[in-house]
């Protein structure tokens, strides 16, 4: 749940086959969300990007997503 003023967004988790490593998932969500926020995206779009980043991260070992994945998502979804 994300709330700002009167806006409320309920963002569901993205189903994955397996969680490999959750290290840094919250940081990845925050990074994606705040990137969208600094670009004046809607609250829903920010939550979606944050969820995408966290989802990518938990499917691999380590605390960072592969370079270029966020850019690919943005190009496909904006």
Protein backbone atom coordinates (compact mmCIF):
# COMPACT_ATOMS: atom_id res chain seq x y z
CA UNK A 1 0.00 0.00 0.00
CA UNK A 2 1.33 3.41 -1.00
CA UNK A 3 -0.42 6.61 0.10
CA UNK A 4 0.26 10.23 -0.76
CA UNK A 5 -2.37 12.79 0.16
CA UNK A 6 -5.68 11.34 -0.97
CA UNK A 7 -4.08 8.94 -3.47
CA UNK A 8 -3.83 5.30 -2.42
CA UNK A 9 -2.26 2.56 -4.53
CA UNK A 10 -2.53 -1.14 -3.76
CA UNK A 11 0.36 -2.82 -5.56
CA UNK A 12 0.29 -6.61 -5.58
CA UNK A 13 3.48 -8.63 -5.42
CA UNK A 14 4.57 -10.22 -8.68
CA UNK A 15 4.49 -14.04 -8.54
CA UNK A 16 7.87 -15.72 -9.08
CA UNK A 17 8.84 -19.37 -9.45
CA UNK A 18 11.40 -19.19 -6.67
CA UNK A 19 13.00 -16.67 -4.37
CA UNK A 20 16.76 -17.12 -4.56
CA UNK A 21 17.98 -14.31 -2.28
CA UNK A 22 15.98 -11.48 -0.73
CA UNK A 23 19.03 -9.42 0.24
CA UNK A 24 18.41 -5.82 -0.79
CA UNK A 25 14.83 -6.32 -1.99
CA UNK A 26 13.54 -3.38 0.04
CA UNK A 27 16.35 -1.17 -1.22
CA UNK A 28 15.63 -2.20 -4.81
CA UNK A 29 11.93 -1.38 -4.36
CA UNK A 30 12.80 2.00 -2.86
CA UNK A 31 15.26 2.80 -5.65
CA UNK A 32 12.73 2.01 -8.36
CA UNK A 33 9.94 3.87 -6.60
CA UNK A 34 12.05 6.96 -5.98
CA UNK A 35 13.35 6.99 -9.54
CA UNK A 36 9.78 7.22 -10.77
CA UNK A 37 8.94 9.82 -8.13
CA UNK A 38 11.81 12.07 -9.26
CA UNK A 39 10.53 11.76 -12.83
CA UNK A 40 7.03 12.96 -11.81
CA UNK A 41 5.43 9.58 -12.51
CA UNK A 42 2.08 8.69 -10.99
CA UNK A 43 2.04 6.93 -7.64
CA UNK A 44 0.87 3.75 -9.41
CA UNK A 45 3.76 3.87 -11.90
CA UNK A 46 6.26 4.42 -9.08
CA UNK A 47 4.89 1.42 -7.17
CA UNK A 48 4.99 -0.73 -10.32
CA UNK A 49 8.63 0.12 -11.02
CA UNK A 50 9.60 -0.48 -7.39
CA UNK A 51 7.88 -3.86 -7.48
CA UNK A 52 9.59 -4.75 -10.76
CA UNK A 53 13.03 -3.92 -9.35
CA UNK A 54 12.45 -5.93 -6.16
CA UNK A 55 11.03 -8.85 -8.15
CA UNK A 56 14.09 -8.98 -10.40
CA UNK A 57 16.42 -8.83 -7.42
CA UNK A 58 14.90 -11.72 -5.44
CA UNK A 59 15.30 -14.10 -8.37
CA UNK A 60 19.10 -13.99 -8.30
CA UNK A 61 21.99 -14.12 -5.84
CA UNK A 62 23.25 -10.77 -4.63
CA UNK A 63 21.97 -7.34 -3.79
CA UNK A 64 21.74 -5.67 -7.18
CA UNK A 65 19.82 -6.21 -10.40
CA UNK A 66 21.51 -6.73 -13.72
CA UNK A 67 22.55 -3.49 -15.43
CA UNK A 68 20.01 -2.35 -17.99
CA UNK A 69 16.96 -4.22 -16.62
CA UNK A 70 15.33 -1.11 -15.20
CA UNK A 71 15.95 0.79 -18.42
CA UNK A 72 14.40 -2.06 -20.44
CA UNK A 73 11.34 -2.04 -18.19
CA UNK A 74 10.95 1.73 -18.55
CA UNK A 75 11.29 1.55 -22.33
CA UNK A 76 8.63 -1.18 -22.50
CA UNK A 77 6.18 0.32 -20.02
CA UNK A 78 6.32 4.09 -20.38
